[in-house]
Amino acid sequence: MEDWEQYKAFGEEYAKALTRFNEARNRYVKKFGEHSLDRVLLGEPLIRMPLSVDVECLNKNANDIELAIQNNKPLEQIPEEMWENMIF
């Protein structure tokens, strides 16, 4: 069984995008540290998008994470004091 098949109930395209994102996120955290994505916003947190856009968003986020790993440059985290005052 391929990794994406665990998410196949959501559709193959979405399952593959989610698997790619999860793998990229895991590599990123391994490289930059356990809390390195704690205050990083990926995608649009206030908008619930339809599934087709979710696939695009997951792939864009995976690209951003993979590029950060490739360039050995972590994504910028929102300052903690600002993060604590954000409303989600």
N, C-alpha and C. Protein backbone atom coordinates (compact mmCIF):
# COMPACT_ATOMS: atom_id res chain seq x y z
N MET A 1 0.85 -1.19 0.00
CA MET A 1 0.00 0.00 0.00
C MET A 1 0.89 1.25 0.00
N GLU A 2 0.59 2.17 -0.89
CA GLU A 2 1.33 3.43 -0.95
C GLU A 2 0.85 4.34 0.18
N ASP A 3 1.72 5.27 0.58
CA ASP A 3 1.40 6.16 1.70
C ASP A 3 0.07 6.91 1.50
N TRP A 4 -0.18 7.39 0.29
CA TRP A 4 -1.37 8.21 0.05
C TRP A 4 -2.66 7.42 0.21
N GLU A 5 -2.59 6.10 0.10
CA GLU A 5 -3.80 5.29 0.12
C GLU A 5 -4.54 5.36 1.47
N GLN A 6 -3.85 5.75 2.54
CA GLN A 6 -4.53 5.88 3.82
C GLN A 6 -5.55 7.02 3.80
N TYR A 7 -5.40 7.95 2.86
CA TYR A 7 -6.33 9.08 2.75
C TYR A 7 -7.25 8.96 1.54
N LYS A 8 -7.31 7.80 0.91
CA LYS A 8 -8.02 7.67 -0.36
C LYS A 8 -9.52 7.95 -0.27
N ALA A 9 -10.09 7.93 0.92
CA ALA A 9 -11.51 8.26 1.07
C ALA A 9 -11.78 9.71 0.65
N PHE A 10 -10.77 10.55 0.66
CA PHE A 10 -10.91 11.96 0.27
C PHE A 10 -10.71 12.17 -1.22
N GLY A 11 -10.37 11.11 -1.95
CA GLY A 11 -10.09 11.21 -3.38
C GLY A 11 -8.59 11.10 -3.60
N GLU A 12 -8.21 10.50 -4.70
CA GLU A 12 -6.80 10.23 -4.96
C GLU A 12 -5.94 11.49 -5.05
N GLU A 13 -6.44 12.51 -5.76
CA GLU A 13 -5.66 13.74 -5.93
C GLU A 13 -5.39 14.41 -4.58
N TYR A 14 -6.44 14.52 -3.77
CA TYR A 14 -6.29 15.13 -2.44
C TYR A 14 -5.39 14.27 -1.56
N ALA A 15 -5.57 12.97 -1.61
CA ALA A 15 -4.77 12.05 -0.79
C ALA A 15 -3.29 12.18 -1.12
N LYS A 16 -2.96 12.26 -2.39
CA LYS A 16 -1.55 12.40 -2.79
C LYS A 16 -0.98 13.75 -2.37
N ALA A 17 -1.77 14.80 -2.50
CA ALA A 17 -1.31 16.14 -2.08
C ALA A 17 -1.10 16.18 -0.56
N LEU A 18 -2.01 15.59 0.20
CA LEU A 18 -1.89 15.58 1.65
C LEU A 18 -0.67 14.77 2.08
N THR A 19 -0.44 13.64 1.44
CA THR A 19 0.73 12.82 1.75
C THR A 19 2.01 13.58 1.44
N ARG A 20 2.05 14.26 0.29
CA ARG A 20 3.23 15.05 -0.08
C ARG A 20 3.48 16.14 0.96
N PHE A 21 2.41 16.84 1.36
CA PHE A 21 2.55 17.89 2.37
C PHE A 21 3.07 17.32 3.69
N ASN A 22 2.48 16.22 4.15
CA ASN A 22 2.90 15.61 5.41
C ASN A 22 4.36 15.18 5.37
N GLU A 23 4.79 14.62 4.25
CA GLU A 23 6.18 14.20 4.12
C GLU A 23 7.12 15.40 4.15
N ALA A 24 6.74 16.47 3.44
CA ALA A 24 7.56 17.69 3.44
C ALA A 24 7.62 18.29 4.84
N ARG A 25 6.47 18.35 5.51
CA ARG A 25 6.43 18.89 6.88
C ARG A 25 7.31 18.07 7.81
N ASN A 26 7.26 16.76 7.71
CA ASN A 26 8.09 15.91 8.56
C ASN A 26 9.58 16.12 8.31
N ARG A 27 9.97 16.26 7.04
CA ARG A 27 11.38 16.54 6.72
C ARG A 27 11.80 17.90 7.26
N TYR A 28 10.91 18.89 7.14
CA TYR A 28 11.19 20.24 7.62
C TYR A 28 11.42 20.24 9.13
N VAL A 29 10.52 19.62 9.86
CA VAL A 29 10.62 19.58 11.32
C VAL A 29 11.89 18.82 11.74
N LYS A 30 12.21 17.78 11.03
CA LYS A 30 13.43 17.03 11.34
C LYS A 30 14.67 17.91 11.12
N LYS A 31 14.64 18.73 10.08
CA LYS A 31 15.79 19.58 9.75
C LYS A 31 15.89 20.82 10.65
N PHE A 32 14.76 21.48 10.89
CA PHE A 32 14.79 22.78 11.58
C PHE A 32 14.32 22.74 13.03
N GLY A 33 13.82 21.61 13.49
CA GLY A 33 13.44 21.49 14.89
C GLY A 33 11.95 21.30 15.10
N GLU A 34 11.64 20.69 16.23
CA GLU A 34 10.28 20.28 16.56
C GLU A 34 9.26 21.43 16.51
N HIS A 35 9.63 22.62 16.93
CA HIS A 35 8.68 23.73 17.00
C HIS A 35 8.88 24.75 15.88
N SER A 36 9.60 24.35 14.83
CA SER A 36 9.96 25.29 13.77
C SER A 36 8.78 25.75 12.91
N LEU A 37 7.65 25.07 12.97
CA LEU A 37 6.47 25.50 12.22
C LEU A 37 5.34 25.97 13.12
N ASP A 38 5.62 26.09 14.42
CA ASP A 38 4.57 26.44 15.37
C ASP A 38 3.86 27.75 15.04
N ARG A 39 4.60 28.75 14.61
CA ARG A 39 4.01 30.07 14.34
C ARG A 39 4.18 30.47 12.88
N VAL A 40 4.11 29.50 11.99
CA VAL A 40 4.17 29.75 10.55
C VAL A 40 2.78 29.52 9.98
N LEU A 41 2.28 30.50 9.25
CA LEU A 41 0.97 30.34 8.61
C LEU A 41 1.18 29.80 7.21
N LEU A 42 0.56 28.68 6.95
CA LEU A 42 0.58 28.09 5.62
C LEU A 42 -0.85 28.11 5.09
N GLY A 43 -1.06 28.63 3.91
CA GLY A 43 -2.40 28.69 3.35
C GLY A 43 -3.19 29.84 3.94
N GLU A 44 -4.47 29.78 3.80
CA GLU A 44 -5.38 30.81 4.29
C GLU A 44 -6.13 30.26 5.49
N PRO A 45 -5.73 30.61 6.71
CA PRO A 45 -6.34 30.00 7.90
C PRO A 45 -7.80 30.35 8.13
N LEU A 46 -8.30 31.43 7.55
CA LEU A 46 -9.66 31.86 7.83
C LEU A 46 -10.66 31.45 6.76
N ILE A 47 -10.19 30.80 5.72
CA ILE A 47 -11.06 30.45 4.61
C ILE A 47 -11.13 28.94 4.47
N ARG A 48 -12.31 28.40 4.49
CA ARG A 48 -12.49 26.96 4.23
C ARG A 48 -12.74 26.81 2.73
N MET A 49 -11.79 26.20 2.06
CA MET A 49 -11.83 26.13 0.62
C MET A 49 -12.43 24.82 0.14
N PRO A 50 -13.00 24.82 -1.06
CA PRO A 50 -13.48 23.56 -1.63
C PRO A 50 -12.30 22.62 -1.89
N LEU A 51 -12.59 21.35 -2.01
CA LEU A 51 -11.56 20.33 -2.12
C LEU A 51 -10.56 20.60 -3.23
N SER A 52 -11.00 21.07 -4.41
CA SER A 52 -10.06 21.29 -5.51
C SER A 52 -9.04 22.37 -5.16
N VAL A 53 -9.47 23.37 -4.41
CA VAL A 53 -8.54 24.43 -4.00
C VAL A 53 -7.65 23.91 -2.87
N ASP A 54 -8.18 23.04 -2.02
CA ASP A 54 -7.37 22.45 -0.97
C ASP A 54 -6.16 21.73 -1.56
N VAL A 55 -6.36 21.03 -2.68
CA VAL A 55 -5.26 20.32 -3.33
C VAL A 55 -4.20 21.32 -3.78
N GLU A 56 -4.63 22.41 -4.40
CA GLU A 56 -3.70 23.45 -4.83
C GLU A 56 -2.95 24.04 -3.64
N CYS A 57 -3.68 24.30 -2.56
CA CYS A 57 -3.09 24.87 -1.36
C CYS A 57 -2.09 23.91 -0.73
N LEU A 58 -2.46 22.64 -0.62
CA LEU A 58 -1.53 21.64 -0.07
C LEU A 58 -0.26 21.55 -0.91
N ASN A 59 -0.41 21.55 -2.22
CA ASN A 59 0.76 21.48 -3.09
C ASN A 59 1.62 22.74 -2.99
N LYS A 60 0.98 23.91 -2.89
CA LYS A 60 1.74 25.15 -2.73
C LYS A 60 2.50 25.14 -1.40
N ASN A 61 1.83 24.72 -0.34
CA ASN A 61 2.48 24.66 0.96
C ASN A 61 3.63 23.66 0.95
N ALA A 62 3.44 22.51 0.31
CA ALA A 62 4.52 21.53 0.19
C ALA A 62 5.69 22.12 -0.58
N ASN A 63 5.39 22.86 -1.66
CA ASN A 63 6.45 23.52 -2.43
C ASN A 63 7.23 24.50 -1.56
N ASP A 64 6.51 25.33 -0.79
CA ASP A 64 7.16 26.32 0.08
C ASP A 64 8.08 25.64 1.09
N ILE A 65 7.59 24.57 1.69
CA ILE A 65 8.38 23.83 2.69
C ILE A 65 9.59 23.17 2.04
N GLU A 66 9.38 22.54 0.89
CA GLU A 66 10.49 21.88 0.19
C GLU A 66 11.56 22.88 -0.23
N LEU A 67 11.14 24.06 -0.68
CA LEU A 67 12.08 25.10 -1.07
C LEU A 67 12.89 25.58 0.14
N ALA A 68 12.24 25.74 1.28
CA ALA A 68 12.95 26.15 2.50
C ALA A 68 14.00 25.11 2.88
N ILE A 69 13.65 23.83 2.77
CA ILE A 69 14.60 22.76 3.08
C ILE A 69 15.76 22.81 2.10
N GLN A 70 15.43 22.92 0.81
CA GLN A 70 16.45 22.94 -0.24
C GLN A 70 17.43 24.10 -0.07
N ASN A 71 16.91 25.26 0.33
CA ASN A 71 17.75 26.45 0.50
C ASN A 71 18.34 26.56 1.91
N ASN A 72 18.02 25.58 2.76
CA ASN A 72 18.50 25.57 4.14
C ASN A 72 18.14 26.88 4.86
N LYS A 73 16.93 27.35 4.59
CA LYS A 73 16.46 28.60 5.19
C LYS A 73 15.06 28.38 5.75
N PRO A 74 14.92 28.37 7.08
CA PRO A 74 13.60 28.13 7.66
C PRO A 74 12.60 29.22 7.30
N LEU A 75 11.34 28.84 7.25
CA LEU A 75 10.27 29.80 7.01
C LEU A 75 10.18 30.74 8.21
N GLU A 76 9.82 31.98 7.93
CA GLU A 76 9.75 32.97 9.01
C GLU A 76 8.55 32.69 9.90
N GLN A 77 8.82 32.66 11.19
CA GLN A 77 7.75 32.49 12.17
C GLN A 77 7.23 33.87 12.58
N ILE A 78 5.97 33.92 12.88
CA ILE A 78 5.37 35.16 13.40
C ILE A 78 5.91 35.35 14.81
N PRO A 79 6.32 36.57 15.17
CA PRO A 79 6.83 36.80 16.52
C PRO A 79 5.81 36.33 17.57
N GLU A 80 6.33 35.76 18.64
CA GLU A 80 5.48 35.15 19.67
C GLU A 80 4.46 36.13 20.25
N GLU A 81 4.89 37.37 20.53
CA GLU A 81 3.97 38.34 21.12
C GLU A 81 2.83 38.69 20.16
N MET A 82 3.12 38.72 18.87
CA MET A 82 2.09 38.98 17.87
C MET A 82 1.17 37.76 17.74
N TRP A 83 1.77 36.57 17.74
CA TRP A 83 1.02 35.33 17.62
C TRP A 83 -0.01 35.19 18.73
N GLU A 84 0.42 35.54 19.95
CA GLU A 84 -0.47 35.41 21.11
C GLU A 84 -1.69 36.32 21.02
N ASN A 85 -1.58 37.39 20.25
CA ASN A 85 -2.70 38.33 20.11
C ASN A 85 -3.56 38.09 18.88
N MET A 86 -3.19 37.10 18.07
CA MET A 86 -3.96 36.81 16.86
C MET A 86 -5.22 36.03 17.22
N ILE A 87 -6.28 36.29 16.50
CA ILE A 87 -7.54 35.59 16.70
C ILE A 87 -7.79 34.73 15.47
N PHE A 88 -8.00 33.44 15.71
CA PHE A 88 -8.27 32.51 14.61
C PHE A 88 -9.69 32.04 14.66
